[in-house]
Amino acid sequence: MTDWGKGTDVLEPLAVVRDLPLGLWSGRRDRTHLAGVGCYVMFVGYPRSGHSIIGSMLNAHPNVVAGHRVRVLRYAAAGFGREAILGMSMVADRRFERMGRIGSKRYDYRVPGQWQGRFSELMVVGDTNVTNRFVQRRPELLARLRNVLGIPVKLVHVVRNPFDNIATMSMRNRLTLTEAADSYFDLCDGATGIRTLVADDEWLDLRHEDVIGDAPTALAGLCAFLGVPAPPDYLADCDAIIYRKAHNSRHEVDWHPDVRASVEKRMGAYPFLAGYAFDDAPDDAGGAGGAGSAGSNGAAVDATEAPLPTN
């Protein structure tokens, strides 16, 4: 029986079957552009670590289409081929474009003036959805996806101060802080395991705080990791949407000293959490979100641009 990676949703297999002809249609329509794709990008992360806005900024790059919440491994599990998998990544991006790039909680993921919903020369396709739970259950799917696509699959591991992650998980999921911490460190174990499945040049640790503090430098590193250029106007426009007001959710809950000490001790087992502490400077772990104004992405498309076709 296929593990679809969506808990008890019995409709998931039907949704995947429904998507096959759509993915094939999209893949064939964009076949010429997709032929030049050099890698597929995916995210590994934690609740409220900023991977969604990072994925949206990546999607604004002229050489990248990173579909919003494709959940691509379910298609690998279902046996989709290269054309249908890449096609569904394009479909997901078109769907999010039609939604105005407004996500859950009404977050605005637009990058005015850049390439969301269109591209120049397509070099990278991807999925902004985090993969932790699915890969933990089905680790062989990464290799299957790589083999089916015939290109490297690169993973961006987005981390943030664990105390903020745990506090948010506790509040949103109605968990005690101890329960939320257990869930968080389970995700850390999953990330550690996933890291062993990919080569060194297929994994990037990216700190949320680095993006908030210096988005152009962080994004330039992300572009280099994916093998695409980092145009100055792209970096500047992405930097302009970063929301730098501090939002330390760790301060919105009451921490028992024993729970706080336990979290600090458990953090030591994960090198990628080195340097984090409960008492970080108040403005080093802000939130990320889109700007409130509409962009110019709807301007006329000239001959050098390849718009994503609409259904």
C-alpha atoms as a PDB file:
ATOM      1  CA  MET A   1       0.000   0.000   0.000  1.00  0.00           C
ATOM      2  CA  THR A   2       1.383   3.420  -0.964  1.00  0.00           C
ATOM      3  CA  ASP A   3       2.199   5.873   1.829  1.00  0.00           C
ATOM      4  CA  TRP A   4       0.959   9.159   0.412  1.00  0.00           C
ATOM      5  CA  GLY A   5       2.465  11.296   3.129  1.00  0.00           C
ATOM      6  CA  LYS A   6      -0.718  13.005   4.224  1.00  0.00           C
ATOM      7  CA  GLY A   7      -1.861  11.242   7.330  1.00  0.00           C
ATOM      8  CA  THR A   8      -5.391   9.905   7.176  1.00  0.00           C
ATOM      9  CA  ASP A   9      -6.526  11.738   4.053  1.00  0.00           C
ATOM     10  CA  VAL A  10      -8.159   8.884   2.124  1.00  0.00           C
ATOM     11  CA  LEU A  11      -8.704  11.157  -0.885  1.00  0.00           C
ATOM     12  CA  GLU A  12      -4.979  11.637  -1.480  1.00  0.00           C
ATOM     13  CA  PRO A  13      -4.583   8.671  -3.881  1.00  0.00           C
ATOM     14  CA  LEU A  14      -7.498   9.989  -5.934  1.00  0.00           C
ATOM     15  CA  ALA A  15      -5.914  13.440  -6.093  1.00  0.00           C
ATOM     16  CA  VAL A  16      -2.624  11.986  -7.321  1.00  0.00           C
ATOM     17  CA  VAL A  17      -4.346   9.932 -10.010  1.00  0.00           C
ATOM     18  CA  ARG A  18      -6.252  13.035 -11.100  1.00  0.00           C
ATOM     19  CA  ASP A  19      -3.001  14.965 -11.390  1.00  0.00           C
ATOM     20  CA  LEU A  20      -1.311  12.532 -13.798  1.00  0.00           C
ATOM     21  CA  PRO A  21      -2.920  13.784 -17.051  1.00  0.00           C
ATOM     22  CA  LEU A  22      -2.534  17.381 -15.886  1.00  0.00           C
ATOM     23  CA  GLY A  23       1.157  16.838 -15.188  1.00  0.00           C
ATOM     24  CA  LEU A  24       1.705  15.132 -18.525  1.00  0.00           C
ATOM     25  CA  TRP A  25      -0.079  17.927 -20.357  1.00  0.00           C
ATOM     26  CA  SER A  26       1.968  20.587 -18.585  1.00  0.00           C
ATOM     27  CA  GLY A  27       5.240  18.717 -19.029  1.00  0.00           C
ATOM     28  CA  ARG A  28       4.680  18.264 -22.732  1.00  0.00           C
ATOM     29  CA  ARG A  29       3.607  21.858 -23.238  1.00  0.00           C
ATOM     30  CA  ASP A  30       6.795  23.114 -21.551  1.00  0.00           C
ATOM     31  CA  ARG A  31       9.018  20.322 -22.884  1.00  0.00           C
ATOM     32  CA  THR A  32      11.452  22.651 -24.643  1.00  0.00           C
ATOM     33  CA  HIS A  33      11.998  24.779 -21.528  1.00  0.00           C
ATOM     34  CA  LEU A  34      12.189  21.793 -19.179  1.00  0.00           C
ATOM     35  CA  ALA A  35      14.881  20.126 -21.281  1.00  0.00           C
ATOM     36  CA  GLY A  36      17.458  22.553 -19.899  1.00  0.00           C
ATOM     37  CA  VAL A  37      16.667  22.053 -16.204  1.00  0.00           C
ATOM     38  CA  GLY A  38      19.861  21.151 -14.344  1.00  0.00           C
ATOM     39  CA  CYS A  39      18.578  20.330 -10.858  1.00  0.00           C
ATOM     40  CA  TYR A  40      15.452  19.966  -8.734  1.00  0.00           C
ATOM     41  CA  VAL A  41      15.308  21.847  -5.411  1.00  0.00           C
ATOM     42  CA  MET A  42      13.393  20.830  -2.296  1.00  0.00           C
ATOM     43  CA  PHE A  43      13.198  22.061   1.287  1.00  0.00           C
ATOM     44  CA  VAL A  44      13.823  20.449   4.654  1.00  0.00           C
ATOM     45  CA  GLY A  45      12.607  22.486   7.581  1.00  0.00           C
ATOM     46  CA  TYR A  46      10.472  23.170  10.626  1.00  0.00           C
ATOM     47  CA  PRO A  47       7.258  25.080  11.392  1.00  0.00           C
ATOM     48  CA  ARG A  48       7.689  28.848  11.092  1.00  0.00           C
ATOM     49  CA  SER A  49      11.290  28.723   9.933  1.00  0.00           C
ATOM     50  CA  GLY A  50      10.714  30.963   6.923  1.00  0.00           C
ATOM     51  CA  HIS A  51      11.070  28.322   4.212  1.00  0.00           C
ATOM     52  CA  SER A  52       7.906  29.520   2.467  1.00  0.00           C
ATOM     53  CA  ILE A  53       9.152  33.073   1.913  1.00  0.00           C
ATOM     54  CA  ILE A  54      12.591  31.770   0.948  1.00  0.00           C
ATOM     55  CA  GLY A  55      10.949  29.481  -1.579  1.00  0.00           C
ATOM     56  CA  SER A  56       8.896  32.382  -2.913  1.00  0.00           C
ATOM     57  CA  MET A  57      11.975  34.557  -3.306  1.00  0.00           C
ATOM     58  CA  LEU A  58      13.675  31.701  -5.094  1.00  0.00           C
ATOM     59  CA  ASN A  59      10.655  31.376  -7.369  1.00  0.00           C
ATOM     60  CA  ALA A  60      11.065  35.066  -8.258  1.00  0.00           C
ATOM     61  CA  HIS A  61      14.420  34.263  -9.883  1.00  0.00           C
ATOM     62  CA  PRO A  62      14.413  34.457 -13.700  1.00  0.00           C
ATOM     63  CA  ASN A  63      15.856  30.940 -14.011  1.00  0.00           C
ATOM     64  CA  VAL A  64      13.781  29.141 -11.361  1.00  0.00           C
ATOM     65  CA  VAL A  65      10.233  27.805 -11.000  1.00  0.00           C
ATOM     66  CA  ALA A  66       9.699  26.525  -7.448  1.00  0.00           C
ATOM     67  CA  GLY A  67       6.091  25.334  -7.216  1.00  0.00           C
ATOM     68  CA  HIS A  68       4.158  26.206  -4.070  1.00  0.00           C
ATOM     69  CA  ARG A  69       3.598  23.039  -2.002  1.00  0.00           C
ATOM     70  CA  VAL A  70       3.935  20.557  -4.833  1.00  0.00           C
ATOM     71  CA  ARG A  71       4.646  17.716  -2.382  1.00  0.00           C
ATOM     72  CA  VAL A  72       6.578  16.122  -5.200  1.00  0.00           C
ATOM     73  CA  LEU A  73       7.512  12.885  -3.429  1.00  0.00           C
ATOM     74  CA  ARG A  74       3.911  11.678  -3.593  1.00  0.00           C
ATOM     75  CA  TYR A  75       4.283  11.717  -7.370  1.00  0.00           C
ATOM     76  CA  ALA A  76       7.528   9.773  -7.139  1.00  0.00           C
ATOM     77  CA  ALA A  77       5.747   7.291  -4.868  1.00  0.00           C
ATOM     78  CA  ALA A  78       2.948   6.930  -7.435  1.00  0.00           C
ATOM     79  CA  GLY A  79       5.407   6.169 -10.235  1.00  0.00           C
ATOM     80  CA  PHE A  80       5.121   9.420 -12.213  1.00  0.00           C
ATOM     81  CA  GLY A  81       7.778   9.945 -14.884  1.00  0.00           C
ATOM     82  CA  ARG A  82      10.036  12.953 -15.420  1.00  0.00           C
ATOM     83  CA  GLU A  83       7.629  14.816 -17.665  1.00  0.00           C
ATOM     84  CA  ALA A  84       4.661  14.534 -15.287  1.00  0.00           C
ATOM     85  CA  ILE A  85       6.682  15.371 -12.153  1.00  0.00           C
ATOM     86  CA  LEU A  86       8.205  18.516 -13.621  1.00  0.00           C
ATOM     87  CA  GLY A  87       4.853  19.343 -15.165  1.00  0.00           C
ATOM     88  CA  MET A  88       3.102  19.228 -11.794  1.00  0.00           C
ATOM     89  CA  SER A  89       5.707  21.602 -10.357  1.00  0.00           C
ATOM     90  CA  MET A  90       4.776  24.056 -13.100  1.00  0.00           C
ATOM     91  CA  VAL A  91       1.058  23.489 -12.448  1.00  0.00           C
ATOM     92  CA  ALA A  92       1.515  24.245  -8.729  1.00  0.00           C
ATOM     93  CA  ASP A  93       3.194  27.522  -9.570  1.00  0.00           C
ATOM     94  CA  ARG A  94       0.395  28.527 -11.949  1.00  0.00           C
ATOM     95  CA  ARG A  95      -2.186  27.737  -9.278  1.00  0.00           C
ATOM     96  CA  PHE A  96      -0.427  29.906  -6.690  1.00  0.00           C
ATOM     97  CA  GLU A  97      -0.093  32.701  -9.243  1.00  0.00           C
ATOM     98  CA  ARG A  98      -3.870  32.604  -9.786  1.00  0.00           C
ATOM     99  CA  MET A  99      -4.321  32.884  -6.009  1.00  0.00           C
ATOM    100  CA  GLY A 100      -2.339  36.116  -6.042  1.00  0.00           C
ATOM    101  CA  ARG A 101       0.478  34.407  -4.116  1.00  0.00           C
ATOM    102  CA  ILE A 102      -1.407  34.855  -0.868  1.00  0.00           C
ATOM    103  CA  GLY A 103      -0.737  31.910   1.407  1.00  0.00           C
ATOM    104  CA  SER A 104      -2.206  30.611   4.643  1.00  0.00           C
ATOM    105  CA  LYS A 105      -2.627  33.166   7.431  1.00  0.00           C
ATOM    106  CA  ARG A 106      -2.976  35.697   4.565  1.00  0.00           C
ATOM    107  CA  TYR A 107       0.792  36.024   4.153  1.00  0.00           C
ATOM    108  CA  ASP A 108       1.735  37.851   0.966  1.00  0.00           C
ATOM    109  CA  TYR A 109       4.495  36.054  -0.952  1.00  0.00           C
ATOM    110  CA  ARG A 110       4.814  38.436  -3.908  1.00  0.00           C
ATOM    111  CA  VAL A 111       8.166  39.882  -4.990  1.00  0.00           C
ATOM    112  CA  PRO A 112       7.227  42.961  -7.019  1.00  0.00           C
ATOM    113  CA  GLY A 113       9.213  43.533 -10.183  1.00  0.00           C
ATOM    114  CA  GLN A 114      10.614  40.026 -10.466  1.00  0.00           C
ATOM    115  CA  TRP A 115       9.792  36.767 -12.258  1.00  0.00           C
ATOM    116  CA  GLN A 116       7.071  34.987 -10.300  1.00  0.00           C
ATOM    117  CA  GLY A 117       4.710  33.291 -12.734  1.00  0.00           C
ATOM    118  CA  ARG A 118       7.193  33.472 -15.587  1.00  0.00           C
ATOM    119  CA  PHE A 119      10.835  32.777 -16.365  1.00  0.00           C
ATOM    120  CA  SER A 120      13.614  33.585 -18.773  1.00  0.00           C
ATOM    121  CA  GLU A 121      15.850  30.540 -19.285  1.00  0.00           C
ATOM    122  CA  LEU A 122      14.624  27.726 -17.052  1.00  0.00           C
ATOM    123  CA  MET A 123      17.510  26.114 -15.140  1.00  0.00           C
ATOM    124  CA  VAL A 124      15.969  24.939 -11.848  1.00  0.00           C
ATOM    125  CA  VAL A 125      12.551  23.520 -10.954  1.00  0.00           C
ATOM    126  CA  GLY A 126      11.471  22.700  -7.418  1.00  0.00           C
ATOM    127  CA  ASP A 127       8.987  22.322  -4.586  1.00  0.00           C
ATOM    128  CA  THR A 128       8.686  24.780  -1.686  1.00  0.00           C
ATOM    129  CA  ASN A 129       6.997  22.219   0.582  1.00  0.00           C
ATOM    130  CA  VAL A 130       9.097  20.717   3.367  1.00  0.00           C
ATOM    131  CA  THR A 131       9.890  17.013   2.934  1.00  0.00           C
ATOM    132  CA  ASN A 132      10.873  15.874   6.444  1.00  0.00           C
ATOM    133  CA  ARG A 133       8.012  13.554   7.362  1.00  0.00           C
ATOM    134  CA  PHE A 134       7.650  11.923   3.958  1.00  0.00           C
ATOM    135  CA  VAL A 135      11.360  11.177   3.598  1.00  0.00           C
ATOM    136  CA  GLN A 136      11.500   9.842   7.145  1.00  0.00           C
ATOM    137  CA  ARG A 137       8.837   7.301   6.185  1.00  0.00           C
ATOM    138  CA  ARG A 138      10.038   6.632   2.655  1.00  0.00           C
ATOM    139  CA  PRO A 139      13.784   7.454   2.421  1.00  0.00           C
ATOM    140  CA  GLU A 140      14.119   5.530  -0.852  1.00  0.00           C
ATOM    141  CA  LEU A 141      11.972   8.124  -2.617  1.00  0.00           C
ATOM    142  CA  LEU A 142      14.806  10.636  -2.847  1.00  0.00           C
ATOM    143  CA  ALA A 143      16.858   8.195  -4.906  1.00  0.00           C
ATOM    144  CA  ARG A 144      13.798   7.322  -6.978  1.00  0.00           C
ATOM    145  CA  LEU A 145      13.114  10.994  -7.687  1.00  0.00           C
ATOM    146  CA  ARG A 146      16.744  11.557  -8.655  1.00  0.00           C
ATOM    147  CA  ASN A 147      16.729   8.568 -10.978  1.00  0.00           C
ATOM    148  CA  VAL A 148      13.428   9.475 -12.621  1.00  0.00           C
ATOM    149  CA  LEU A 149      14.407  13.092 -13.213  1.00  0.00           C
ATOM    150  CA  GLY A 150      17.960  12.258 -14.275  1.00  0.00           C
ATOM    151  CA  ILE A 151      19.309  15.391 -12.556  1.00  0.00           C
ATOM    152  CA  PRO A 152      20.606  16.215  -9.067  1.00  0.00           C
ATOM    153  CA  VAL A 153      18.033  16.750  -6.324  1.00  0.00           C
ATOM    154  CA  LYS A 154      19.262  19.514  -4.021  1.00  0.00           C
ATOM    155  CA  LEU A 155      17.922  20.121  -0.508  1.00  0.00           C
ATOM    156  CA  VAL A 156      17.777  23.439   1.342  1.00  0.00           C
ATOM    157  CA  HIS A 157      17.660  22.920   5.112  1.00  0.00           C
ATOM    158  CA  VAL A 158      16.139  26.044   6.701  1.00  0.00           C
ATOM    159  CA  VAL A 159      16.723  26.421  10.440  1.00  0.00           C
ATOM    160  CA  ARG A 160      15.721  28.999  13.021  1.00  0.00           C
ATOM    161  CA  ASN A 161      16.157  29.476  16.752  1.00  0.00           C
ATOM    162  CA  PRO A 162      14.639  26.258  18.169  1.00  0.00           C
ATOM    163  CA  PHE A 163      12.897  28.066  21.003  1.00  0.00           C
ATOM    164  CA  ASP A 164      10.810  30.030  18.498  1.00  0.00           C
ATOM    165  CA  ASN A 165       9.974  26.896  16.520  1.00  0.00           C
ATOM    166  CA  ILE A 166       8.951  24.989  19.638  1.00  0.00           C
ATOM    167  CA  ALA A 167       6.878  27.848  21.032  1.00  0.00           C
ATOM    168  CA  THR A 168       4.995  28.207  17.742  1.00  0.00           C
ATOM    169  CA  MET A 169       4.387  24.451  17.484  1.00  0.00           C
ATOM    170  CA  SER A 170       3.030  24.495  21.036  1.00  0.00           C
ATOM    171  CA  MET A 171       0.636  27.381  20.411  1.00  0.00           C
ATOM    172  CA  ARG A 172      -0.614  26.316  16.996  1.00  0.00           C
ATOM    173  CA  ASN A 173      -1.033  22.626  17.745  1.00  0.00           C
ATOM    174  CA  ARG A 174      -2.211  22.951  21.348  1.00  0.00           C
ATOM    175  CA  LEU A 175       0.739  20.981  22.660  1.00  0.00           C
ATOM    176  CA  THR A 176       2.620  21.361  25.892  1.00  0.00           C
ATOM    177  CA  LEU A 177       6.110  22.757  25.424  1.00  0.00           C
ATOM    178  CA  THR A 178       7.517  19.327  26.255  1.00  0.00           C
ATOM    179  CA  GLU A 179       5.359  17.704  23.572  1.00  0.00           C
ATOM    180  CA  ALA A 180       6.291  20.398  21.046  1.00  0.00           C
ATOM    181  CA  ALA A 181       9.977  19.957  21.864  1.00  0.00           C
ATOM    182  CA  ASP A 182       9.713  16.205  21.298  1.00  0.00           C
ATOM    183  CA  SER A 183       8.075  16.833  17.928  1.00  0.00           C
ATOM    184  CA  TYR A 184      10.698  19.414  16.986  1.00  0.00           C
ATOM    185  CA  PHE A 185      13.645  17.192  17.822  1.00  0.00           C
ATOM    186  CA  ASP A 186      12.011  14.348  15.928  1.00  0.00           C
ATOM    187  CA  LEU A 187      12.164  16.642  12.904  1.00  0.00           C
ATOM    188  CA  CYS A 188      15.814  17.345  13.705  1.00  0.00           C
ATOM    189  CA  ASP A 189      16.463  13.591  13.756  1.00  0.00           C
ATOM    190  CA  GLY A 190      14.708  13.351  10.415  1.00  0.00           C
ATOM    191  CA  ALA A 191      16.845  16.128   8.936  1.00  0.00           C
ATOM    192  CA  THR A 192      19.984  14.408  10.206  1.00  0.00           C
ATOM    193  CA  GLY A 193      18.915  11.182   8.547  1.00  0.00           C
ATOM    194  CA  ILE A 194      17.997  12.899   5.287  1.00  0.00           C
ATOM    195  CA  ARG A 195      21.409  14.574   5.226  1.00  0.00           C
ATOM    196  CA  THR A 196      23.048  11.148   4.921  1.00  0.00           C
ATOM    197  CA  LEU A 197      21.077  10.428   1.736  1.00  0.00           C
ATOM    198  CA  VAL A 198      22.575  13.235  -0.347  1.00  0.00           C
ATOM    199  CA  ALA A 199      26.048  14.339  -1.409  1.00  0.00           C
ATOM    200  CA  ASP A 200      27.749  17.353   0.141  1.00  0.00           C
ATOM    201  CA  ASP A 201      26.998  19.519  -2.892  1.00  0.00           C
ATOM    202  CA  GLU A 202      23.298  18.611  -2.698  1.00  0.00           C
ATOM    203  CA  TRP A 203      22.700  20.005   0.811  1.00  0.00           C
ATOM    204  CA  LEU A 204      22.639  23.591   2.088  1.00  0.00           C
ATOM    205  CA  ASP A 205      22.061  24.699   5.674  1.00  0.00           C
ATOM    206  CA  LEU A 206      20.399  28.119   5.572  1.00  0.00           C
ATOM    207  CA  ARG A 207      19.646  30.099   8.717  1.00  0.00           C
ATOM    208  CA  HIS A 208      16.458  32.124   8.857  1.00  0.00           C
ATOM    209  CA  GLU A 209      18.303  34.796  10.823  1.00  0.00           C
ATOM    210  CA  ASP A 210      20.907  35.159   8.059  1.00  0.00           C
ATOM    211  CA  VAL A 211      18.169  35.805   5.513  1.00  0.00           C
ATOM    212  CA  ILE A 212      16.580  38.423   7.772  1.00  0.00           C
ATOM    213  CA  GLY A 213      19.902  40.071   8.549  1.00  0.00           C
ATOM    214  CA  ASP A 214      21.391  40.127   5.042  1.00  0.00           C
ATOM    215  CA  ALA A 215      19.064  38.742   2.389  1.00  0.00           C
ATOM    216  CA  PRO A 216      21.278  39.611  -0.617  1.00  0.00           C
ATOM    217  CA  THR A 217      24.237  37.675   0.770  1.00  0.00           C
ATOM    218  CA  ALA A 218      22.098  34.712   1.853  1.00  0.00           C
ATOM    219  CA  LEU A 219      20.273  34.546  -1.472  1.00  0.00           C
ATOM    220  CA  ALA A 220      23.500  34.890  -3.438  1.00  0.00           C
ATOM    221  CA  GLY A 221      24.766  31.816  -1.584  1.00  0.00           C
ATOM    222  CA  LEU A 222      21.540  29.980  -2.370  1.00  0.00           C
ATOM    223  CA  CYS A 223      21.871  30.896  -6.050  1.00  0.00           C
ATOM    224  CA  ALA A 224      25.451  29.639  -6.117  1.00  0.00           C
ATOM    225  CA  PHE A 225      24.322  26.385  -4.516  1.00  0.00           C
ATOM    226  CA  LEU A 226      21.768  25.902  -7.299  1.00  0.00           C
ATOM    227  CA  GLY A 227      24.110  26.988 -10.078  1.00  0.00           C
ATOM    228  CA  VAL A 228      22.184  30.074 -11.175  1.00  0.00           C
ATOM    229  CA  PRO A 229      23.337  33.707 -11.356  1.00  0.00           C
ATOM    230  CA  ALA A 230      22.379  36.270  -8.721  1.00  0.00           C
ATOM    231  CA  PRO A 231      21.290  39.423 -10.587  1.00  0.00           C
ATOM    232  CA  PRO A 232      21.648  42.577  -8.434  1.00  0.00           C
ATOM    233  CA  ASP A 233      18.100  43.740  -9.180  1.00  0.00           C
ATOM    234  CA  TYR A 234      16.751  40.351  -8.116  1.00  0.00           C
ATOM    235  CA  LEU A 235      18.667  40.468  -4.821  1.00  0.00           C
ATOM    236  CA  ALA A 236      17.540  44.041  -4.158  1.00  0.00           C
ATOM    237  CA  ASP A 237      13.856  43.341  -4.854  1.00  0.00           C
ATOM    238  CA  CYS A 238      13.883  40.271  -2.625  1.00  0.00           C
ATOM    239  CA  ASP A 239      15.586  42.236   0.130  1.00  0.00           C
ATOM    240  CA  ALA A 240      12.839  44.851  -0.116  1.00  0.00           C
ATOM    241  CA  ILE A 241      10.082  42.431   0.944  1.00  0.00           C
ATOM    242  CA  ILE A 242      11.805  41.124   4.076  1.00  0.00           C
ATOM    243  CA  TYR A 243       9.853  41.919   7.219  1.00  0.00           C
ATOM    244  CA  ARG A 244      12.483  42.762   9.822  1.00  0.00           C
ATOM    245  CA  LYS A 245      10.332  43.486  12.846  1.00  0.00           C
ATOM    246  CA  ALA A 246      11.303  41.063  15.585  1.00  0.00           C
ATOM    247  CA  HIS A 247       8.780  38.375  16.421  1.00  0.00           C
ATOM    248  CA  ASN A 248      10.228  36.070  19.031  1.00  0.00           C
ATOM    249  CA  SER A 249       7.435  33.623  19.718  1.00  0.00           C
ATOM    250  CA  ARG A 250       9.570  32.057  22.449  1.00  0.00           C
ATOM    251  CA  HIS A 251       8.587  35.048  24.611  1.00  0.00           C
ATOM    252  CA  GLU A 252       4.865  34.440  24.125  1.00  0.00           C
ATOM    253  CA  VAL A 253       4.792  31.281  26.259  1.00  0.00           C
ATOM    254  CA  ASP A 254       5.822  30.479  29.805  1.00  0.00           C
ATOM    255  CA  TRP A 255       8.876  28.230  29.938  1.00  0.00           C
ATOM    256  CA  HIS A 256       9.417  26.072  32.988  1.00  0.00           C
ATOM    257  CA  PRO A 257      13.147  26.207  33.812  1.00  0.00           C
ATOM    258  CA  ASP A 258      13.420  22.415  33.494  1.00  0.00           C
ATOM    259  CA  VAL A 259      11.878  22.423  29.998  1.00  0.00           C
ATOM    260  CA  ARG A 260      14.107  25.257  28.870  1.00  0.00           C
ATOM    261  CA  ALA A 261      17.191  23.495  30.210  1.00  0.00           C
ATOM    262  CA  SER A 262      16.147  20.256  28.522  1.00  0.00           C
ATOM    263  CA  VAL A 263      15.800  21.987  25.156  1.00  0.00           C
ATOM    264  CA  GLU A 264      19.202  23.639  25.530  1.00  0.00           C
ATOM    265  CA  LYS A 265      20.790  20.286  26.323  1.00  0.00           C
ATOM    266  CA  ARG A 266      19.122  18.478  23.415  1.00  0.00           C
ATOM    267  CA  MET A 267      20.191  21.190  20.968  1.00  0.00           C
ATOM    268  CA  GLY A 268      23.795  20.170  21.536  1.00  0.00           C
ATOM    269  CA  ALA A 269      23.268  16.933  19.589  1.00  0.00           C
ATOM    270  CA  TYR A 270      22.731  18.824  16.326  1.00  0.00           C
ATOM    271  CA  PRO A 271      25.664  20.761  14.819  1.00  0.00           C
ATOM    272  CA  PHE A 272      23.321  22.845  12.680  1.00  0.00           C
ATOM    273  CA  LEU A 273      21.842  24.361  15.869  1.00  0.00           C
ATOM    274  CA  ALA A 274      25.215  25.499  17.223  1.00  0.00           C
ATOM    275  CA  GLY A 275      25.193  29.078  18.480  1.00  0.00           C
ATOM    276  CA  TYR A 276      21.483  29.329  19.168  1.00  0.00           C
ATOM    277  CA  ALA A 277      20.353  30.260  22.677  1.00  0.00           C
ATOM    278  CA  PHE A 278      17.177  31.350  24.401  1.00  0.00           C
ATOM    279  CA  ASP A 279      18.604  34.787  25.146  1.00  0.00           C
ATOM    280  CA  ASP A 280      19.613  35.782  21.613  1.00  0.00           C
ATOM    281  CA  ALA A 281      19.552  39.479  20.823  1.00  0.00           C
ATOM    282  CA  PRO A 282      15.917  40.599  20.500  1.00  0.00           C
ATOM    283  CA  ASP A 283      16.119  41.488  16.798  1.00  0.00           C
ATOM    284  CA  ASP A 284      18.068  38.523  15.441  1.00  0.00           C
ATOM    285  CA  ALA A 285      15.102  36.217  14.830  1.00  0.00           C
ATOM    286  CA  GLY A 286      12.535  38.345  13.113  1.00  0.00           C
ATOM    287  CA  GLY A 287       9.749  37.167  10.859  1.00  0.00           C
ATOM    288  CA  ALA A 288       9.750  36.991   7.098  1.00  0.00           C
ATOM    289  CA  GLY A 289       6.845  37.859   4.939  1.00  0.00           C
ATOM    290  CA  GLY A 290       5.942  39.569   1.726  1.00  0.00           C
ATOM    291  CA  ALA A 291       5.343  43.244   1.302  1.00  0.00           C
ATOM    292  CA  GLY A 292       1.779  44.451   1.207  1.00  0.00           C
ATOM    293  CA  SER A 293       1.842  46.162  -2.154  1.00  0.00           C
ATOM    294  CA  ALA A 294       1.168  44.567  -5.516  1.00  0.00           C
ATOM    295  CA  GLY A 295       4.111  44.112  -7.856  1.00  0.00           C
ATOM    296  CA  SER A 296       4.667  44.800 -11.532  1.00  0.00           C
ATOM    297  CA  ASN A 297       4.717  41.136 -12.519  1.00  0.00           C
ATOM    298  CA  GLY A 298       1.552  41.654 -14.541  1.00  0.00           C
ATOM    299  CA  ALA A 299       3.300  43.951 -17.019  1.00  0.00           C
ATOM    300  CA  ALA A 300       3.429  43.054 -20.697  1.00  0.00           C
ATOM    301  CA  VAL A 301       5.748  40.170 -21.477  1.00  0.00           C
ATOM    302  CA  ASP A 302       8.363  40.845 -24.127  1.00  0.00           C
ATOM    303  CA  ALA A 303      10.025  38.359 -26.431  1.00  0.00           C
ATOM    304  CA  THR A 304      12.757  37.419 -23.979  1.00  0.00           C
ATOM    305  CA  GLU A 305      10.320  36.115 -21.369  1.00  0.00           C
ATOM    306  CA  ALA A 306       8.497  32.787 -21.294  1.00  0.00           C
ATOM    307  CA  PRO A 307       5.224  33.152 -19.333  1.00  0.00           C
ATOM    308  CA  LEU A 308       3.780  30.105 -17.628  1.00  0.00           C
ATOM    309  CA  PRO A 309       0.712  29.088 -19.662  1.00  0.00           C
ATOM    310  CA  THR A 310      -2.620  29.268 -17.897  1.00  0.00           C
ATOM    311  CA  ASN A 311      -5.168  26.466 -17.916  1.00  0.00           C
END
